[in-house]
PDB file of N, CA and C in Angstrom:
ATOM      1  N   UNK A   1     -44.799  48.608 -88.165  1.00  0.00           N
ATOM      2  CA  UNK A   1     -44.073  47.474 -88.665  1.00  0.00           C
ATOM      3  C   UNK A   1     -43.401  46.696 -87.515  1.00  0.00           C
ATOM      4  N   UNK A   2     -42.830  47.378 -86.552  1.00  0.00           N
ATOM      5  CA  UNK A   2     -42.169  46.714 -85.433  1.00  0.00           C
ATOM      6  C   UNK A   2     -43.188  46.230 -84.407  1.00  0.00           C
ATOM      7  N   UNK A   3     -44.324  46.891 -84.309  1.00  0.00           N
ATOM      8  CA  UNK A   3     -45.321  46.557 -83.300  1.00  0.00           C
ATOM      9  C   UNK A   3     -45.859  45.135 -83.450  1.00  0.00           C
ATOM     10  N   UNK A   4     -46.181  44.647 -84.634  1.00  0.00           N
ATOM     11  CA  UNK A   4     -46.663  43.261 -84.750  1.00  0.00           C
ATOM     12  C   UNK A   4     -45.599  42.239 -84.323  1.00  0.00           C
ATOM     13  N   UNK A   5     -44.334  42.532 -84.593  1.00  0.00           N
ATOM     14  CA  UNK A   5     -43.252  41.619 -84.209  1.00  0.00           C
ATOM     15  C   UNK A   5     -43.137  41.555 -82.688  1.00  0.00           C
ATOM     16  N   UNK A   6     -43.185  42.702 -82.024  1.00  0.00           N
ATOM     17  CA  UNK A   6     -43.097  42.746 -80.557  1.00  0.00           C
ATOM     18  C   UNK A   6     -44.301  42.035 -79.947  1.00  0.00           C
ATOM     19  N   UNK A   7     -45.484  42.236 -80.507  1.00  0.00           N
ATOM     20  CA  UNK A   7     -46.683  41.569 -80.013  1.00  0.00           C
ATOM     21  C   UNK A   7     -46.564  40.061 -80.202  1.00  0.00           C
ATOM     22  N   UNK A   8     -46.044  39.618 -81.337  1.00  0.00           N
ATOM     23  CA  UNK A   8     -45.864  38.189 -81.596  1.00  0.00           C
ATOM     24  C   UNK A   8     -44.878  37.557 -80.632  1.00  0.00           C
ATOM     25  N   UNK A   9     -43.793  38.263 -80.352  1.00  0.00           N
ATOM     26  CA  UNK A   9     -42.801  37.756 -79.390  1.00  0.00           C
ATOM     27  C   UNK A   9     -43.406  37.684 -77.995  1.00  0.00           C
ATOM     28  N   UNK A  10     -44.206  38.667 -77.617  1.00  0.00           N
ATOM     29  CA  UNK A  10     -44.849  38.663 -76.302  1.00  0.00           C
ATOM     30  C   UNK A  10     -45.837  37.507 -76.184  1.00  0.00           C
ATOM     31  N   UNK A  11     -46.610  37.234 -77.223  1.00  0.00           N
ATOM     32  CA  UNK A  11     -47.565  36.119 -77.200  1.00  0.00           C
ATOM     33  C   UNK A  11     -46.814  34.796 -77.114  1.00  0.00           C
ATOM     34  N   UNK A  12     -45.725  34.652 -77.869  1.00  0.00           N
ATOM     35  CA  UNK A  12     -44.939  33.416 -77.835  1.00  0.00           C
ATOM     36  C   UNK A  12     -44.318  33.209 -76.453  1.00  0.00           C
ATOM     37  N   UNK A  13     -43.807  34.272 -75.853  1.00  0.00           N
ATOM     38  CA  UNK A  13     -43.220  34.167 -74.517  1.00  0.00           C
ATOM     39  C   UNK A  13     -44.278  33.767 -73.493  1.00  0.00           C
ATOM     40  N   UNK A  14     -45.469  34.335 -73.603  1.00  0.00           N
ATOM     41  CA  UNK A  14     -46.541  33.980 -72.685  1.00  0.00           C
ATOM     42  C   UNK A  14     -46.957  32.528 -72.870  1.00  0.00           C
ATOM     43  N   UNK A  15     -46.968  32.052 -74.095  1.00  0.00           N
ATOM     44  CA  UNK A  15     -47.338  30.652 -74.368  1.00  0.00           C
ATOM     45  C   UNK A  15     -46.294  29.706 -73.773  1.00  0.00           C
ATOM     46  N   UNK A  16     -45.014  30.015 -73.969  1.00  0.00           N
ATOM     47  CA  UNK A  16     -43.964  29.169 -73.394  1.00  0.00           C
ATOM     48  C   UNK A  16     -43.992  29.207 -71.865  1.00  0.00           C
ATOM     49  N   UNK A  17     -44.222  30.361 -71.284  1.00  0.00           N
ATOM     50  CA  UNK A  17     -44.295  30.466 -69.824  1.00  0.00           C
ATOM     51  C   UNK A  17     -45.481  29.661 -69.298  1.00  0.00           C
ATOM     52  N   UNK A  18     -46.601  29.727 -70.007  1.00  0.00           N
ATOM     53  CA  UNK A  18     -47.772  28.946 -69.603  1.00  0.00           C
ATOM     54  C   UNK A  18     -47.516  27.451 -69.707  1.00  0.00           C
ATOM     55  N   UNK A  19     -46.845  27.041 -70.785  1.00  0.00           N
ATOM     56  CA  UNK A  19     -46.543  25.624 -70.981  1.00  0.00           C
ATOM     57  C   UNK A  19     -45.646  25.106 -69.862  1.00  0.00           C
ATOM     58  N   UNK A  20     -44.567  25.820 -69.574  1.00  0.00           N
ATOM     59  CA  UNK A  20     -43.648  25.372 -68.528  1.00  0.00           C
ATOM     60  C   UNK A  20     -44.273  25.487 -67.140  1.00  0.00           C
ATOM     61  N   UNK A  21     -45.125  26.460 -66.949  1.00  0.00           N
ATOM     62  CA  UNK A  21     -45.833  26.578 -65.677  1.00  0.00           C
ATOM     63  C   UNK A  21     -46.764  25.401 -65.445  1.00  0.00           C
ATOM     64  N   UNK A  22     -47.467  24.969 -66.473  1.00  0.00           N
ATOM     65  CA  UNK A  22     -48.368  23.812 -66.341  1.00  0.00           C
ATOM     66  C   UNK A  22     -47.571  22.531 -66.120  1.00  0.00           C
ATOM     67  N   UNK A  23     -46.432  22.379 -66.789  1.00  0.00           N
ATOM     68  CA  UNK A  23     -45.595  21.190 -66.572  1.00  0.00           C
ATOM     69  C   UNK A  23     -45.061  21.161 -65.145  1.00  0.00           C
ATOM     70  N   UNK A  24     -44.653  22.321 -64.642  1.00  0.00           N
ATOM     71  CA  UNK A  24     -44.148  22.388 -63.264  1.00  0.00           C
ATOM     72  C   UNK A  24     -45.269  22.064 -62.279  1.00  0.00           C
ATOM     73  N   UNK A  25     -46.489  22.527 -62.538  1.00  0.00           N
ATOM     74  CA  UNK A  25     -47.614  22.247 -61.650  1.00  0.00           C
ATOM     75  C   UNK A  25     -47.938  20.747 -61.650  1.00  0.00           C
ATOM     76  N   UNK A  26     -47.906  20.115 -62.822  1.00  0.00           N
ATOM     77  CA  UNK A  26     -48.167  18.676 -62.905  1.00  0.00           C
ATOM     78  C   UNK A  26     -47.092  17.888 -62.155  1.00  0.00           C
ATOM     79  N   UNK A  27     -45.846  18.287 -62.275  1.00  0.00           N
ATOM     80  CA  UNK A  27     -44.761  17.618 -61.558  1.00  0.00           C
ATOM     81  C   UNK A  27     -44.915  17.819 -60.055  1.00  0.00           C
ATOM     82  N   UNK A  28     -45.358  18.993 -59.641  1.00  0.00           N
ATOM     83  CA  UNK A  28     -45.566  19.269 -58.223  1.00  0.00           C
ATOM     84  C   UNK A  28     -46.685  18.394 -57.667  1.00  0.00           C
ATOM     85  N   UNK A  29     -47.771  18.256 -58.406  1.00  0.00           N
ATOM     86  CA  UNK A  29     -48.887  17.436 -57.947  1.00  0.00           C
ATOM     87  C   UNK A  29     -48.540  15.950 -57.932  1.00  0.00           C
ATOM     88  N   UNK A  30     -47.637  15.503 -58.808  1.00  0.00           N
ATOM     89  CA  UNK A  30     -47.301  14.084 -58.922  1.00  0.00           C
ATOM     90  C   UNK A  30     -46.256  13.629 -57.908  1.00  0.00           C
ATOM     91  N   UNK A  31     -45.621  14.563 -57.209  1.00  0.00           N
ATOM     92  CA  UNK A  31     -44.575  14.156 -56.259  1.00  0.00           C
ATOM     93  C   UNK A  31     -45.183  13.372 -55.110  1.00  0.00           C
ATOM     94  N   UNK A  32     -44.409  12.461 -54.513  1.00  0.00           N
ATOM     95  CA  UNK A  32     -44.959  11.657 -53.421  1.00  0.00           C
ATOM     96  C   UNK A  32     -45.215  12.514 -52.186  1.00  0.00           C
ATOM     97  N   UNK A  33     -46.286  12.208 -51.459  1.00  0.00           N
ATOM     98  CA  UNK A  33     -46.589  13.013 -50.259  1.00  0.00           C
ATOM     99  C   UNK A  33     -45.576  12.745 -49.153  1.00  0.00           C
ATOM    100  N   UNK A  34     -45.223  13.787 -48.440  1.00  0.00           N
ATOM    101  CA  UNK A  34     -44.322  13.660 -47.293  1.00  0.00           C
ATOM    102  C   UNK A  34     -45.162  13.684 -46.033  1.00  0.00           C
ATOM    103  N   UNK A  35     -44.801  12.864 -45.060  1.00  0.00           N
ATOM    104  CA  UNK A  35     -45.565  12.922 -43.813  1.00  0.00           C
ATOM    105  C   UNK A  35     -45.350  14.257 -43.124  1.00  0.00           C
ATOM    106  N   UNK A  36     -46.397  14.817 -42.565  1.00  0.00           N
ATOM    107  CA  UNK A  36     -46.316  16.109 -41.887  1.00  0.00           C
ATOM    108  C   UNK A  36     -46.114  15.872 -40.405  1.00  0.00           C
ATOM    109  N   UNK A  37     -44.880  15.652 -40.039  1.00  0.00           N
ATOM    110  CA  UNK A  37     -44.559  15.406 -38.638  1.00  0.00           C
ATOM    111  C   UNK A  37     -43.824  16.615 -38.083  1.00  0.00           C
ATOM    112  N   UNK A  38     -44.068  16.864 -36.814  1.00  0.00           N
ATOM    113  CA  UNK A  38     -43.333  17.939 -36.154  1.00  0.00           C
ATOM    114  C   UNK A  38     -41.921  17.483 -35.901  1.00  0.00           C
ATOM    115  N   UNK A  39     -41.003  18.364 -36.054  1.00  0.00           N
ATOM    116  CA  UNK A  39     -39.611  18.041 -35.773  1.00  0.00           C
ATOM    117  C   UNK A  39     -39.320  18.383 -34.332  1.00  0.00           C
ATOM    118  N   UNK A  40     -38.585  17.523 -33.689  1.00  0.00           N
ATOM    119  CA  UNK A  40     -38.227  17.734 -32.312  1.00  0.00           C
ATOM    120  C   UNK A  40     -36.767  18.156 -32.224  1.00  0.00           C
ATOM    121  N   UNK A  41     -36.377  18.606 -31.078  1.00  0.00           N
ATOM    122  CA  UNK A  41     -35.009  19.041 -30.816  1.00  0.00           C
ATOM    123  C   UNK A  41     -34.057  17.896 -31.104  1.00  0.00           C
ATOM    124  N   UNK A  42     -33.005  18.146 -31.849  1.00  0.00           N
ATOM    125  CA  UNK A  42     -32.126  17.081 -32.296  1.00  0.00           C
ATOM    126  C   UNK A  42     -30.934  16.842 -31.393  1.00  0.00           C
ATOM    127  N   UNK A  43     -30.850  17.484 -30.267  1.00  0.00           N
ATOM    128  CA  UNK A  43     -29.818  17.140 -29.297  1.00  0.00           C
ATOM    129  C   UNK A  43     -28.653  18.102 -29.278  1.00  0.00           C
ATOM    130  N   UNK A  44     -27.560  17.627 -28.663  1.00  0.00           N
ATOM    131  CA  UNK A  44     -26.421  18.488 -28.442  1.00  0.00           C
ATOM    132  C   UNK A  44     -26.678  19.354 -27.231  1.00  0.00           C
ATOM    133  N   UNK A  45     -26.915  18.701 -26.089  1.00  0.00           N
ATOM    134  CA  UNK A  45     -27.318  19.418 -24.890  1.00  0.00           C
ATOM    135  C   UNK A  45     -26.175  20.225 -24.301  1.00  0.00           C
ATOM    136  N   UNK A  46     -26.506  21.369 -23.709  1.00  0.00           N
ATOM    137  CA  UNK A  46     -25.535  22.205 -23.011  1.00  0.00           C
ATOM    138  C   UNK A  46     -25.350  21.660 -21.605  1.00  0.00           C
ATOM    139  N   UNK A  47     -24.230  22.003 -20.963  1.00  0.00           N
ATOM    140  CA  UNK A  47     -23.977  21.474 -19.617  1.00  0.00           C
ATOM    141  C   UNK A  47     -24.996  22.004 -18.612  1.00  0.00           C
ATOM    142  N   UNK A  48     -25.383  23.261 -18.725  1.00  0.00           N
ATOM    143  CA  UNK A  48     -26.425  23.838 -17.879  1.00  0.00           C
ATOM    144  C   UNK A  48     -27.572  24.236 -18.790  1.00  0.00           C
ATOM    145  N   UNK A  49     -28.739  23.655 -18.551  1.00  0.00           N
ATOM    146  CA  UNK A  49     -29.881  23.905 -19.424  1.00  0.00           C
ATOM    147  C   UNK A  49     -30.387  25.329 -19.252  1.00  0.00           C
ATOM    148  N   UNK A  50     -30.603  25.989 -20.371  1.00  0.00           N
ATOM    149  CA  UNK A  50     -31.166  27.332 -20.374  1.00  0.00           C
ATOM    150  C   UNK A  50     -32.649  27.241 -20.716  1.00  0.00           C
ATOM    151  N   UNK A  51     -33.340  28.341 -20.512  1.00  0.00           N
ATOM    152  CA  UNK A  51     -34.772  28.375 -20.844  1.00  0.00           C
ATOM    153  C   UNK A  51     -34.974  28.197 -22.343  1.00  0.00           C
ATOM    154  N   UNK A  52     -34.074  28.721 -23.143  1.00  0.00           N
ATOM    155  CA  UNK A  52     -34.161  28.577 -24.599  1.00  0.00           C
ATOM    156  C   UNK A  52     -34.013  27.115 -24.996  1.00  0.00           C
ATOM    157  N   UNK A  53     -33.041  26.427 -24.413  1.00  0.00           N
ATOM    158  CA  UNK A  53     -32.837  25.023 -24.727  1.00  0.00           C
ATOM    159  C   UNK A  53     -34.037  24.191 -24.271  1.00  0.00           C
ATOM    160  N   UNK A  54     -34.585  24.506 -23.108  1.00  0.00           N
ATOM    161  CA  UNK A  54     -35.755  23.791 -22.605  1.00  0.00           C
ATOM    162  C   UNK A  54     -36.932  23.962 -23.562  1.00  0.00           C
ATOM    163  N   UNK A  55     -37.112  25.169 -24.070  1.00  0.00           N
ATOM    164  CA  UNK A  55     -38.196  25.418 -25.014  1.00  0.00           C
ATOM    165  C   UNK A  55     -37.975  24.649 -26.312  1.00  0.00           C
ATOM    166  N   UNK A  56     -36.740  24.567 -26.783  1.00  0.00           N
ATOM    167  CA  UNK A  56     -36.437  23.806 -27.993  1.00  0.00           C
ATOM    168  C   UNK A  56     -36.689  22.316 -27.792  1.00  0.00           C
ATOM    169  N   UNK A  57     -36.331  21.792 -26.640  1.00  0.00           N
ATOM    170  CA  UNK A  57     -36.551  20.369 -26.352  1.00  0.00           C
ATOM    171  C   UNK A  57     -38.034  20.047 -26.374  1.00  0.00           C
ATOM    172  N   UNK A  58     -38.838  20.903 -25.771  1.00  0.00           N
ATOM    173  CA  UNK A  58     -40.276  20.650 -25.698  1.00  0.00           C
ATOM    174  C   UNK A  58     -41.028  21.092 -26.954  1.00  0.00           C
ATOM    175  N   UNK A  59     -40.385  21.855 -27.814  1.00  0.00           N
ATOM    176  CA  UNK A  59     -41.035  22.311 -29.038  1.00  0.00           C
ATOM    177  C   UNK A  59     -42.035  23.415 -28.811  1.00  0.00           C
ATOM    178  N   UNK A  60     -41.777  24.274 -27.825  1.00  0.00           N
ATOM    179  CA  UNK A  60     -42.669  25.402 -27.532  1.00  0.00           C
ATOM    180  C   UNK A  60     -41.837  26.685 -27.520  1.00  0.00           C
ATOM    181  N   UNK A  61     -42.526  27.803 -27.374  1.00  0.00           N
ATOM    182  CA  UNK A  61     -41.818  29.082 -27.235  1.00  0.00           C
ATOM    183  C   UNK A  61     -41.438  29.295 -25.784  1.00  0.00           C
ATOM    184  N   UNK A  62     -40.495  30.192 -25.566  1.00  0.00           N
ATOM    185  CA  UNK A  62     -40.035  30.462 -24.199  1.00  0.00           C
ATOM    186  C   UNK A  62     -41.127  31.081 -23.336  1.00  0.00           C
ATOM    187  N   UNK A  63     -42.083  31.744 -23.946  1.00  0.00           N
ATOM    188  CA  UNK A  63     -43.133  32.431 -23.188  1.00  0.00           C
ATOM    189  C   UNK A  63     -44.444  31.646 -23.172  1.00  0.00           C
ATOM    190  N   UNK A  64     -44.391  30.358 -23.391  1.00  0.00           N
ATOM    191  CA  UNK A  64     -45.596  29.531 -23.465  1.00  0.00           C
ATOM    192  C   UNK A  64     -46.230  29.351 -22.088  1.00  0.00           C
ATOM    193  N   UNK A  65     -47.543  29.274 -22.066  1.00  0.00           N
ATOM    194  CA  UNK A  65     -48.288  29.074 -20.813  1.00  0.00           C
ATOM    195  C   UNK A  65     -48.010  27.686 -20.247  1.00  0.00           C
ATOM    196  N   UNK A  66     -48.230  27.541 -18.943  1.00  0.00           N
ATOM    197  CA  UNK A  66     -47.909  26.294 -18.238  1.00  0.00           C
ATOM    198  C   UNK A  66     -48.693  25.115 -18.791  1.00  0.00           C
ATOM    199  N   UNK A  67     -49.932  25.321 -19.158  1.00  0.00           N
ATOM    200  CA  UNK A  67     -50.750  24.215 -19.683  1.00  0.00           C
ATOM    201  C   UNK A  67     -50.187  23.684 -20.995  1.00  0.00           C
ATOM    202  N   UNK A  68     -49.726  24.577 -21.858  1.00  0.00           N
ATOM    203  CA  UNK A  68     -49.123  24.162 -23.133  1.00  0.00           C
ATOM    204  C   UNK A  68     -47.797  23.445 -22.898  1.00  0.00           C
ATOM    205  N   UNK A  69     -47.050  23.869 -21.881  1.00  0.00           N
ATOM    206  CA  UNK A  69     -45.788  23.204 -21.544  1.00  0.00           C
ATOM    207  C   UNK A  69     -46.070  21.772 -21.100  1.00  0.00           C
ATOM    208  N   UNK A  70     -47.112  21.591 -20.302  1.00  0.00           N
ATOM    209  CA  UNK A  70     -47.467  20.243 -19.834  1.00  0.00           C
ATOM    210  C   UNK A  70     -47.901  19.351 -20.993  1.00  0.00           C
ATOM    211  N   UNK A  71     -48.669  19.898 -21.932  1.00  0.00           N
ATOM    212  CA  UNK A  71     -49.084  19.131 -23.104  1.00  0.00           C
ATOM    213  C   UNK A  71     -47.881  18.732 -23.948  1.00  0.00           C
ATOM    214  N   UNK A  72     -46.960  19.684 -24.153  1.00  0.00           N
ATOM    215  CA  UNK A  72     -45.759  19.399 -24.935  1.00  0.00           C
ATOM    216  C   UNK A  72     -44.900  18.349 -24.237  1.00  0.00           C
ATOM    217  N   UNK A  73     -44.813  18.435 -22.908  1.00  0.00           N
ATOM    218  CA  UNK A  73     -44.030  17.460 -22.143  1.00  0.00           C
ATOM    219  C   UNK A  73     -44.618  16.058 -22.331  1.00  0.00           C
ATOM    220  N   UNK A  74     -45.936  15.932 -22.243  1.00  0.00           N
ATOM    221  CA  UNK A  74     -46.573  14.626 -22.439  1.00  0.00           C
ATOM    222  C   UNK A  74     -46.274  14.074 -23.824  1.00  0.00           C
ATOM    223  N   UNK A  75     -46.377  14.925 -24.838  1.00  0.00           N
ATOM    224  CA  UNK A  75     -46.155  14.501 -26.219  1.00  0.00           C
ATOM    225  C   UNK A  75     -44.717  14.020 -26.432  1.00  0.00           C
ATOM    226  N   UNK A  76     -43.751  14.755 -25.898  1.00  0.00           N
ATOM    227  CA  UNK A  76     -42.348  14.377 -26.087  1.00  0.00           C
ATOM    228  C   UNK A  76     -42.005  13.148 -25.244  1.00  0.00           C
ATOM    229  N   UNK A  77     -42.598  13.039 -24.057  1.00  0.00           N
ATOM    230  CA  UNK A  77     -42.312  11.877 -23.209  1.00  0.00           C
ATOM    231  C   UNK A  77     -42.878  10.592 -23.805  1.00  0.00           C
ATOM    232  N   UNK A  78     -44.006  10.667 -24.502  1.00  0.00           N
ATOM    233  CA  UNK A  78     -44.549   9.478 -25.152  1.00  0.00           C
ATOM    234  C   UNK A  78     -43.536   8.934 -26.162  1.00  0.00           C
ATOM    235  N   UNK A  79     -42.855   9.831 -26.857  1.00  0.00           N
ATOM    236  CA  UNK A  79     -41.879   9.403 -27.859  1.00  0.00           C
ATOM    237  C   UNK A  79     -40.563   8.945 -27.243  1.00  0.00           C
ATOM    238  N   UNK A  80     -40.242   9.367 -26.018  1.00  0.00           N
ATOM    239  CA  UNK A  80     -38.926   9.088 -25.446  1.00  0.00           C
ATOM    240  C   UNK A  80     -38.956   8.379 -24.101  1.00  0.00           C
ATOM    241  N   UNK A  81     -40.081   7.840 -23.698  1.00  0.00           N
ATOM    242  CA  UNK A  81     -40.167   7.206 -22.386  1.00  0.00           C
ATOM    243  C   UNK A  81     -39.354   5.917 -22.347  1.00  0.00           C
ATOM    244  N   UNK A  82     -38.605   5.681 -21.262  1.00  0.00           N
ATOM    245  CA  UNK A  82     -37.771   4.472 -21.169  1.00  0.00           C
ATOM    246  C   UNK A  82     -38.573   3.171 -21.239  1.00  0.00           C
ATOM    247  N   UNK A  83     -39.799   3.151 -20.748  1.00  0.00           N
ATOM    248  CA  UNK A  83     -40.614   1.941 -20.802  1.00  0.00           C
ATOM    249  C   UNK A  83     -41.067   1.609 -22.227  1.00  0.00           C
ATOM    250  N   UNK A  84     -41.001   2.583 -23.119  1.00  0.00           N
ATOM    251  CA  UNK A  84     -41.415   2.374 -24.506  1.00  0.00           C
ATOM    252  C   UNK A  84     -40.225   2.349 -25.446  1.00  0.00           C
ATOM    253  N   UNK A  85     -39.041   2.051 -24.914  1.00  0.00           N
ATOM    254  CA  UNK A  85     -37.857   1.945 -25.756  1.00  0.00           C
ATOM    255  C   UNK A  85     -37.011   3.199 -25.840  1.00  0.00           C
ATOM    256  N   UNK A  86     -37.374   4.253 -25.140  1.00  0.00           N
ATOM    257  CA  UNK A  86     -36.575   5.475 -25.122  1.00  0.00           C
ATOM    258  C   UNK A  86     -35.434   5.362 -24.130  1.00  0.00           C
ATOM    259  N   UNK A  87     -34.622   6.378 -24.035  1.00  0.00           N
ATOM    260  CA  UNK A  87     -33.486   6.321 -23.125  1.00  0.00           C
ATOM    261  C   UNK A  87     -33.779   7.087 -21.836  1.00  0.00           C
ATOM    262  N   UNK A  88     -33.153   6.637 -20.769  1.00  0.00           N
ATOM    263  CA  UNK A  88     -33.316   7.306 -19.476  1.00  0.00           C
ATOM    264  C   UNK A  88     -32.730   8.717 -19.534  1.00  0.00           C
ATOM    265  N   UNK A  89     -31.637   8.873 -20.275  1.00  0.00           N
ATOM    266  CA  UNK A  89     -30.994  10.178 -20.385  1.00  0.00           C
ATOM    267  C   UNK A  89     -31.931  11.192 -21.038  1.00  0.00           C
ATOM    268  N   UNK A  90     -32.534  10.819 -22.165  1.00  0.00           N
ATOM    269  CA  UNK A  90     -33.446  11.742 -22.841  1.00  0.00           C
ATOM    270  C   UNK A  90     -34.665  12.046 -21.983  1.00  0.00           C
ATOM    271  N   UNK A  91     -35.175  11.034 -21.298  1.00  0.00           N
ATOM    272  CA  UNK A  91     -36.331  11.260 -20.429  1.00  0.00           C
ATOM    273  C   UNK A  91     -35.983  12.231 -19.305  1.00  0.00           C
ATOM    274  N   UNK A  92     -34.767  12.119 -18.759  1.00  0.00           N
ATOM    275  CA  UNK A  92     -34.374  13.054 -17.694  1.00  0.00           C
ATOM    276  C   UNK A  92     -34.221  14.468 -18.236  1.00  0.00           C
ATOM    277  N   UNK A  93     -33.717  14.594 -19.458  1.00  0.00           N
ATOM    278  CA  UNK A  93     -33.580  15.923 -20.066  1.00  0.00           C
ATOM    279  C   UNK A  93     -34.951  16.533 -20.354  1.00  0.00           C
ATOM    280  N   UNK A  94     -35.901  15.722 -20.800  1.00  0.00           N
ATOM    281  CA  UNK A  94     -37.254  16.221 -21.070  1.00  0.00           C
ATOM    282  C   UNK A  94     -37.903  16.673 -19.764  1.00  0.00           C
ATOM    283  N   UNK A  95     -37.740  15.874 -18.702  1.00  0.00           N
ATOM    284  CA  UNK A  95     -38.290  16.268 -17.400  1.00  0.00           C
ATOM    285  C   UNK A  95     -37.617  17.532 -16.875  1.00  0.00           C
ATOM    286  N   UNK A  96     -36.312  17.639 -17.064  1.00  0.00           N
ATOM    287  CA  UNK A  96     -35.592  18.846 -16.632  1.00  0.00           C
ATOM    288  C   UNK A  96     -36.089  20.069 -17.400  1.00  0.00           C
ATOM    289  N   UNK A  97     -36.349  19.894 -18.702  1.00  0.00           N
ATOM    290  CA  UNK A  97     -36.855  21.004 -19.511  1.00  0.00           C
ATOM    291  C   UNK A  97     -38.224  21.449 -19.013  1.00  0.00           C
ATOM    292  N   UNK A  98     -39.090  20.493 -18.680  1.00  0.00           N
ATOM    293  CA  UNK A  98     -40.422  20.839 -18.164  1.00  0.00           C
ATOM    294  C   UNK A  98     -40.306  21.589 -16.843  1.00  0.00           C
ATOM    295  N   UNK A  99     -39.459  21.079 -15.948  1.00  0.00           N
ATOM    296  CA  UNK A  99     -39.289  21.746 -14.653  1.00  0.00           C
ATOM    297  C   UNK A  99     -38.761  23.164 -14.823  1.00  0.00           C
ATOM    298  N   UNK A 100     -37.815  23.339 -15.721  1.00  0.00           N
ATOM    299  CA  UNK A 100     -37.255  24.671 -15.950  1.00  0.00           C
ATOM    300  C   UNK A 100     -38.305  25.615 -16.526  1.00  0.00           C
ATOM    301  N   UNK A 101     -39.106  25.124 -17.481  1.00  0.00           N
ATOM    302  CA  UNK A 101     -40.133  25.966 -18.093  1.00  0.00           C
ATOM    303  C   UNK A 101     -41.244  26.323 -17.105  1.00  0.00           C
ATOM    304  N   UNK A 102     -41.516  25.437 -16.150  1.00  0.00           N
ATOM    305  CA  UNK A 102     -42.560  25.710 -15.162  1.00  0.00           C
ATOM    306  C   UNK A 102     -42.022  26.438 -13.932  1.00  0.00           C
ATOM    307  N   UNK A 103     -40.719  26.708 -13.916  1.00  0.00           N
ATOM    308  CA  UNK A 103     -40.121  27.465 -12.820  1.00  0.00           C
ATOM    309  C   UNK A 103     -39.857  26.656 -11.579  1.00  0.00           C
ATOM    310  N   UNK A 104     -39.774  25.344 -11.703  1.00  0.00           N
ATOM    311  CA  UNK A 104     -39.557  24.490 -10.538  1.00  0.00           C
ATOM    312  C   UNK A 104     -38.089  24.265 -10.222  1.00  0.00           C
ATOM    313  N   UNK A 105     -37.206  24.621 -11.146  1.00  0.00           N
ATOM    314  CA  UNK A 105     -35.770  24.449 -10.889  1.00  0.00           C
ATOM    315  C   UNK A 105     -35.000  25.578 -11.547  1.00  0.00           C
ATOM    316  N   UNK A 106     -33.739  25.707 -11.183  1.00  0.00           N
ATOM    317  CA  UNK A 106     -32.884  26.741 -11.740  1.00  0.00           C
ATOM    318  C   UNK A 106     -32.080  26.236 -12.923  1.00  0.00           C
ATOM    319  N   UNK A 107     -32.202  24.952 -13.266  1.00  0.00           N
ATOM    320  CA  UNK A 107     -31.467  24.377 -14.396  1.00  0.00           C
ATOM    321  C   UNK A 107     -30.222  23.668 -13.927  1.00  0.00           C
ATOM    322  N   UNK A 108     -29.729  22.765 -14.772  1.00  0.00           N
ATOM    323  CA  UNK A 108     -28.498  22.035 -14.467  1.00  0.00           C
ATOM    324  C   UNK A 108     -28.691  20.925 -13.475  1.00  0.00           C
ATOM    325  N   UNK A 109     -29.920  20.469 -13.255  1.00  0.00           N
ATOM    326  CA  UNK A 109     -30.170  19.463 -12.257  1.00  0.00           C
ATOM    327  C   UNK A 109     -30.332  18.062 -12.795  1.00  0.00           C
ATOM    328  N   UNK A 110     -29.778  17.763 -13.962  1.00  0.00           N
ATOM    329  CA  UNK A 110     -29.927  16.448 -14.542  1.00  0.00           C
ATOM    330  C   UNK A 110     -29.184  15.406 -13.725  1.00  0.00           C
ATOM    331  N   UNK A 111     -29.743  14.207 -13.643  1.00  0.00           N
ATOM    332  CA  UNK A 111     -29.097  13.122 -12.905  1.00  0.00           C
ATOM    333  C   UNK A 111     -27.916  12.561 -13.681  1.00  0.00           C
ATOM    334  N   UNK A 112     -27.800  12.905 -14.969  1.00  0.00           N
ATOM    335  CA  UNK A 112     -26.731  12.344 -15.784  1.00  0.00           C
ATOM    336  C   UNK A 112     -25.687  13.369 -16.050  1.00  0.00           C
TER     337      UNK A 112
END
C-alpha cells in the first residue's frame, strides 16, 4: 500500500527535476557569449620586483622556459607599448619583468 505512493512521489520528483534541469539548460544556452580573453596582471607593483610578480605581469609561471617568456613579453608589450597608446611606466615594468625572468637583472631596476 505504501510502495505505490513512494514510487509515485519518486516519479513526480524526477519529472520536476527534469523539467527544471531542461529550463536551466535552455537559459544557459541563451545567455550572451562572453569574449574569451586572457586576463593580465592588474597592477599594484611592489617597490622591488620579485620573480613571482614578474611571472604575474607576463602571465606565465615562475618556471617557464625562456622562449615562452619572450612570447609572453611580446604579447604584453603589444598591448602596452607607448607608441600604441600605452604608458612608458607599464612598458618599463614589462621589460623589467622579462629581464628578471630571463635572469638578466636582480630586480628593482625600473627607471620610474
